[in-house]
Protein backbone atom coordinates (compact mmCIF):
# COMPACT_ATOMS: atom_id res chain seq x y z
CA MET A 1 -57.48 31.56 -58.99
CA THR A 2 -55.47 33.25 -61.74
CA GLU A 3 -54.71 37.01 -61.79
CA SER A 4 -54.63 38.89 -65.06
CA ALA A 5 -54.83 42.46 -66.36
CA SER A 6 -57.29 43.79 -68.91
CA GLY A 7 -56.03 44.83 -72.36
CA SER A 8 -56.70 48.49 -71.59
CA GLY A 9 -54.86 48.17 -68.28
CA GLN A 10 -57.72 49.80 -66.43
CA TYR A 11 -58.30 47.05 -63.89
CA LYS A 12 -57.16 43.62 -62.86
CA PHE A 13 -59.43 40.59 -62.85
CA TRP A 14 -59.26 37.10 -61.44
CA ILE A 15 -60.25 33.91 -63.17
CA LEU A 16 -62.18 31.44 -61.03
CA ARG A 17 -62.95 27.79 -61.57
CA GLY A 18 -65.96 25.90 -60.31
CA LEU A 19 -66.33 22.27 -59.34
CA LEU A 20 -69.68 21.99 -57.62
CA ALA A 21 -71.75 25.15 -57.88
CA GLY A 22 -73.27 27.19 -60.64
CA ALA A 23 -75.59 30.18 -60.80
CA ALA A 24 -78.11 31.70 -63.19
CA VAL A 25 -76.69 35.10 -62.64
CA ALA A 26 -78.83 36.86 -65.16
CA ALA A 27 -81.94 35.90 -63.12
CA ALA A 28 -80.21 36.50 -59.80
CA THR A 29 -81.24 33.05 -58.63
CA VAL A 30 -78.81 30.40 -57.44
CA GLY A 31 -79.05 26.78 -58.53
CA PHE A 32 -76.60 24.32 -57.01
CA ARG A 33 -75.12 21.70 -59.35
CA LEU A 34 -74.02 18.16 -58.78
CA VAL A 35 -71.38 17.43 -61.35
CA THR A 36 -69.02 14.70 -62.34
CA ARG A 37 -65.47 15.07 -63.56
CA SER A 38 -64.28 14.42 -66.98
CA ASN A 39 -60.90 14.36 -68.70
CA ARG A 40 -62.46 14.70 -72.18
CA ALA A 41 -60.46 16.96 -74.53
CA ARG A 42 -62.09 20.33 -74.97
CA ASN A 43 -61.36 22.05 -78.25
CA ARG A 44 -64.39 23.53 -79.89
CA VAL A 45 -65.62 26.79 -78.21
CA VAL A 46 -68.76 28.78 -78.93
CA GLY A 47 -69.64 32.14 -77.57
CA ILE A 48 -73.33 32.76 -77.02
CA ILE A 49 -74.74 36.24 -76.33
CA PRO A 50 -78.29 35.99 -74.91
CA ALA A 51 -80.49 39.03 -75.69
CA ARG A 52 -84.11 39.76 -74.96
CA PHE A 53 -86.22 42.84 -75.64
CA ARG A 54 -88.67 42.65 -72.73
CA SER A 55 -86.33 43.35 -69.81
CA THR A 56 -88.25 44.34 -66.66
CA ARG A 57 -85.54 46.91 -65.71
CA PHE A 58 -84.70 48.27 -69.19
CA GLN A 59 -86.98 47.27 -72.02
CA GLY A 60 -85.31 47.21 -75.43
CA LYS A 61 -81.86 47.43 -73.84
CA PRO A 62 -79.98 45.37 -76.52
CA LEU A 63 -81.01 47.89 -79.15
CA VAL A 64 -80.14 51.09 -77.33
CA GLU A 65 -77.57 52.94 -79.35
CA ILE A 66 -74.08 53.70 -77.91
CA LEU A 67 -72.12 56.18 -80.15
CA GLY A 68 -74.25 55.24 -83.15
CA LYS A 69 -74.27 51.45 -82.72
CA PRO A 70 -76.72 49.17 -80.97
CA MET A 71 -75.30 47.88 -77.63
CA ILE A 72 -75.75 44.27 -78.82
CA GLN A 73 -73.57 45.02 -81.79
CA ARG A 74 -70.80 46.52 -79.72
CA THR A 75 -70.86 43.45 -77.42
CA TRP A 76 -70.73 41.12 -80.39
CA GLU A 77 -67.83 43.06 -81.99
CA ARG A 78 -65.85 42.74 -78.80
CA ALA A 79 -66.60 39.02 -78.49
CA MET A 80 -65.52 38.50 -82.14
CA LEU A 81 -62.06 39.73 -81.21
CA ALA A 82 -61.51 36.76 -78.73
CA ALA A 83 -59.01 34.34 -80.19
CA THR A 84 -60.38 31.26 -78.35
CA LEU A 85 -63.89 31.45 -79.85
CA ASP A 86 -64.57 29.27 -82.88
CA LYS A 87 -68.01 30.80 -83.34
CA VAL A 88 -70.07 33.65 -81.81
CA VAL A 89 -73.89 33.62 -82.02
CA ILE A 90 -76.66 35.80 -80.54
CA ALA A 91 -79.57 34.01 -78.96
CA THR A 92 -82.83 35.97 -78.83
CA ASP A 93 -86.60 35.54 -78.82
CA ASP A 94 -87.32 38.90 -80.47
CA GLU A 95 -87.71 39.53 -84.20
CA LYS A 96 -86.53 43.15 -83.91
CA ILE A 97 -83.26 42.09 -82.19
CA ALA A 98 -82.74 39.27 -84.69
CA GLU A 99 -83.23 41.62 -87.67
CA CYS A 100 -80.86 44.12 -86.22
CA CYS A 101 -78.13 41.49 -85.56
CA LEU A 102 -78.48 39.93 -88.99
CA GLY A 103 -78.08 43.41 -90.38
CA PHE A 104 -74.57 43.87 -88.93
CA GLY A 105 -73.52 40.33 -89.84
CA ALA A 106 -74.02 38.27 -86.74
CA ASP A 107 -75.22 34.70 -86.62
CA VAL A 108 -78.60 34.53 -84.80
CA VAL A 109 -80.35 31.57 -83.07
CA MET A 110 -84.07 32.11 -82.22
CA THR A 111 -85.06 30.84 -78.78
CA PRO A 112 -88.46 30.59 -77.06
CA GLU A 113 -89.96 33.42 -75.00
CA SER A 114 -90.30 30.87 -72.23
CA CYS A 115 -86.58 31.00 -71.42
CA ARG A 116 -86.43 32.52 -67.89
CA ASN A 117 -82.97 33.83 -68.01
CA GLY A 118 -79.76 34.11 -70.11
CA THR A 119 -78.51 30.70 -68.95
CA GLU A 120 -81.62 28.97 -70.23
CA ARG A 121 -81.42 30.92 -73.45
CA CYS A 122 -77.86 29.80 -73.97
CA ASN A 123 -78.82 26.18 -73.31
CA GLU A 124 -81.57 26.36 -75.87
CA ALA A 125 -79.27 27.95 -78.45
CA LEU A 126 -76.69 25.26 -77.77
CA ARG A 127 -79.33 22.59 -78.30
CA LYS A 128 -80.25 24.07 -81.69
CA LEU A 129 -76.47 24.11 -82.60
CA LYS A 130 -76.61 20.35 -82.02
CA LYS A 131 -73.95 20.54 -79.27
CA LYS A 132 -71.08 20.54 -81.67
CA TYR A 133 -69.00 22.32 -79.09
CA ASP A 134 -66.97 21.33 -76.05
CA ILE A 135 -67.14 24.68 -74.24
CA VAL A 136 -69.86 27.31 -74.29
CA VAL A 137 -69.17 30.90 -73.29
CA ASN A 138 -72.19 32.87 -71.93
CA ILE A 139 -71.45 36.48 -72.70
CA GLN A 140 -73.81 39.03 -71.24
CA GLY A 141 -75.41 41.18 -73.94
CA ASP A 142 -75.07 44.30 -71.84
CA GLU A 143 -71.25 44.18 -71.75
CA PRO A 144 -70.36 46.46 -74.71
CA LEU A 145 -66.81 46.96 -73.31
CA ILE A 146 -66.06 43.30 -72.50
CA GLU A 147 -62.33 42.69 -72.94
CA PRO A 148 -61.45 39.84 -75.43
CA GLU A 149 -58.56 39.08 -73.13
CA ILE A 150 -61.02 38.23 -70.32
CA ILE A 151 -62.85 35.83 -72.66
CA ASP A 152 -59.63 34.19 -73.73
CA GLY A 153 -58.30 33.96 -70.16
CA VAL A 154 -61.41 32.33 -68.77
CA VAL A 155 -61.64 29.83 -71.66
CA LYS A 156 -57.98 28.81 -71.27
CA SER A 157 -58.46 28.51 -67.56
CA LEU A 158 -61.19 25.94 -68.05
CA GLN A 159 -59.19 24.10 -70.74
CA GLY A 160 -56.36 23.82 -68.36
CA ALA A 161 -58.40 22.34 -65.50
CA PRO A 162 -59.87 18.97 -66.32
CA ASP A 163 -61.55 18.64 -62.92
CA ALA A 164 -63.56 21.94 -63.33
CA VAL A 165 -66.85 22.28 -65.18
CA PHE A 166 -67.05 26.02 -65.38
CA SER A 167 -64.94 29.14 -64.99
CA THR A 168 -65.67 32.83 -64.68
CA ALA A 169 -63.95 36.10 -63.92
CA VAL A 170 -64.23 38.63 -61.10
CA THR A 171 -62.64 41.93 -60.33
CA SER A 172 -62.35 44.09 -57.21
CA LEU A 173 -65.52 45.87 -56.09
CA ASN A 174 -65.59 49.12 -54.20
CA PRO A 175 -67.05 48.50 -50.72
CA GLU A 176 -69.54 51.30 -51.21
CA ASP A 177 -71.05 49.37 -54.11
CA ALA A 178 -71.40 46.10 -52.26
CA LEU A 179 -75.12 46.76 -51.45
CA ASP A 180 -75.98 47.57 -55.04
CA PRO A 181 -78.31 44.79 -56.34
CA ASN A 182 -77.32 45.56 -59.89
CA ARG A 183 -73.79 44.32 -59.14
CA VAL A 184 -73.46 40.51 -58.77
CA LYS A 185 -71.00 39.57 -56.05
CA CYS A 186 -68.98 36.37 -55.73
CA VAL A 187 -67.42 34.56 -52.83
CA VAL A 188 -64.39 32.28 -53.36
CA ASP A 189 -62.54 29.76 -51.29
CA LYS A 190 -58.86 29.83 -50.52
CA HIS A 191 -58.03 27.84 -53.60
CA GLY A 192 -59.72 30.30 -55.90
CA TYR A 193 -62.85 28.27 -56.59
CA ALA A 194 -66.20 30.05 -56.79
CA ILE A 195 -68.56 29.14 -53.99
CA TYR A 196 -71.59 31.50 -54.29
CA PHE A 197 -73.04 34.32 -56.39
CA SER A 198 -75.60 36.86 -55.24
CA ARG A 199 -76.97 40.33 -55.93
CA GLY A 200 -77.16 40.72 -52.15
CA LEU A 201 -74.31 41.47 -49.76
CA ILE A 202 -72.00 38.46 -49.56
CA PRO A 203 -70.40 37.38 -47.39
CA PHE A 204 -73.16 38.63 -45.07
CA ASN A 205 -72.43 39.77 -41.57
CA LYS A 206 -74.59 40.19 -38.43
CA THR A 207 -74.73 43.99 -38.74
CA GLY A 208 -75.93 43.86 -42.36
CA LYS A 209 -73.51 46.64 -43.10
CA VAL A 210 -70.58 46.73 -45.54
CA ASN A 211 -67.15 46.00 -44.17
CA PRO A 212 -64.93 48.75 -45.77
CA ASN A 213 -61.85 46.58 -45.26
CA PHE A 214 -63.19 43.37 -46.93
CA PRO A 215 -62.05 42.59 -50.48
CA TYR A 216 -65.40 42.16 -52.16
CA HIS A 217 -65.48 40.61 -55.65
CA LEU A 218 -67.59 41.76 -58.62
CA HIS A 219 -68.65 39.14 -61.08
CA LEU A 220 -67.90 40.10 -64.72
CA GLY A 221 -70.40 39.39 -67.45
CA ILE A 222 -69.05 36.07 -68.57
CA GLN A 223 -69.44 32.38 -67.74
CA VAL A 224 -67.59 29.53 -69.43
CA ILE A 225 -69.14 26.06 -69.04
CA LYS A 226 -68.08 22.57 -70.10
CA VAL A 227 -70.87 21.27 -72.40
CA ASP A 228 -71.13 17.56 -71.63
CA HIS A 229 -71.08 17.37 -67.85
CA GLU A 230 -73.76 15.81 -65.65
CA ALA A 231 -75.67 18.49 -63.94
CA HIS A 232 -78.92 18.93 -61.95
CA GLY A 233 -80.27 22.26 -60.88
CA VAL A 234 -82.58 23.06 -57.91
CA ASP A 235 -84.61 25.94 -59.27
CA VAL A 236 -88.12 24.81 -58.25
CA PRO A 237 -89.47 22.54 -55.49
CA SER A 238 -90.00 19.62 -57.86
CA ASP A 239 -86.26 19.55 -58.59
CA VAL A 240 -85.62 18.34 -55.05
CA ALA A 241 -86.99 14.92 -55.78
CA LYS A 242 -84.82 14.69 -58.92
CA ILE A 243 -81.73 15.54 -56.88
CA GLU A 244 -82.62 12.91 -54.26
CA ALA A 245 -83.11 10.23 -56.99
CA PHE A 246 -79.76 11.16 -58.53
CA MET A 247 -78.02 10.92 -55.11
CA ARG A 248 -79.60 7.46 -54.35
CA GLU A 249 -78.56 6.11 -57.74
CA ARG A 250 -74.96 7.04 -57.09
CA ASN A 251 -74.94 6.33 -53.31
CA ILE A 252 -74.03 9.90 -52.55
CA PRO A 253 -74.37 10.34 -48.74
C-alpha cells in the first residue's frame, strides 16, 4: 500500500495492488479471478471512460451539465491531464453520448448495449483497439473531479509491481457513510493488497452496525489492469465449470 496526497491537498489516498481478486465495481457484483504472474514489460497505457445513457439510478447522467459542461467532458478533461496515459477514449453504446464526446474532441469507441457494466464495456473497447496496450485504466465516467495525480500514482504502482495484475486507489471513509450503498468499500490485507470490494458494510460484524473506530476505506473511481493476464471470472453459475476445468488443467488444489 502506497500513501499519497491529491493535487488539491484535500485528502489522502492509498494505492492498492491486487494479485488474486478483481471486482466489477460498476455493477456492484464481485467476480473472483485466478491469475498468473508475468514479468512482461508494461509501457503502453490507455485510459477508457465507460459511459451509458440508460442508468437505472440516473438516466442520462454522462450528459448532465456541471457549470456549463457535460459531466463526461469534465471527466475526460481531467483524465487527459494524466501524464501516464498514452491515449484516452470514451466507450459508450449511445449515439447521443458519442455525438457529444466527438463534439468536444474526444476519441469514442462504440460498444454493444449488451455490456452489463463498465468493466465489460472497457473490455469490449480494448478489443476494438486491438489490444495495443499493456495497461488499461478504467476511469468511472461520473468522476468529474478525478485527480490526474491519482491516475498517475495507480499506473506507476502497477508498473512497479511485476507480480500484480491490477491496482486501484482508496481513501478514508467517514464511518457514518459506511452503510451507504452508493459508496463502494474496500478491505485490504496487512500488506496493502485489495481483498474484497462491496457496496455493503465490509468488514461485516455480528451487530450489523458501523464501528465508529474502524478505518473504513472508500474505493475511488479508478481501476488499473494489466492487459494480457490469464483471468477467469465467476459471474454466472456456468462459470463454475470453467473454473474447475482451469484448476484441473493446472493441478491447482
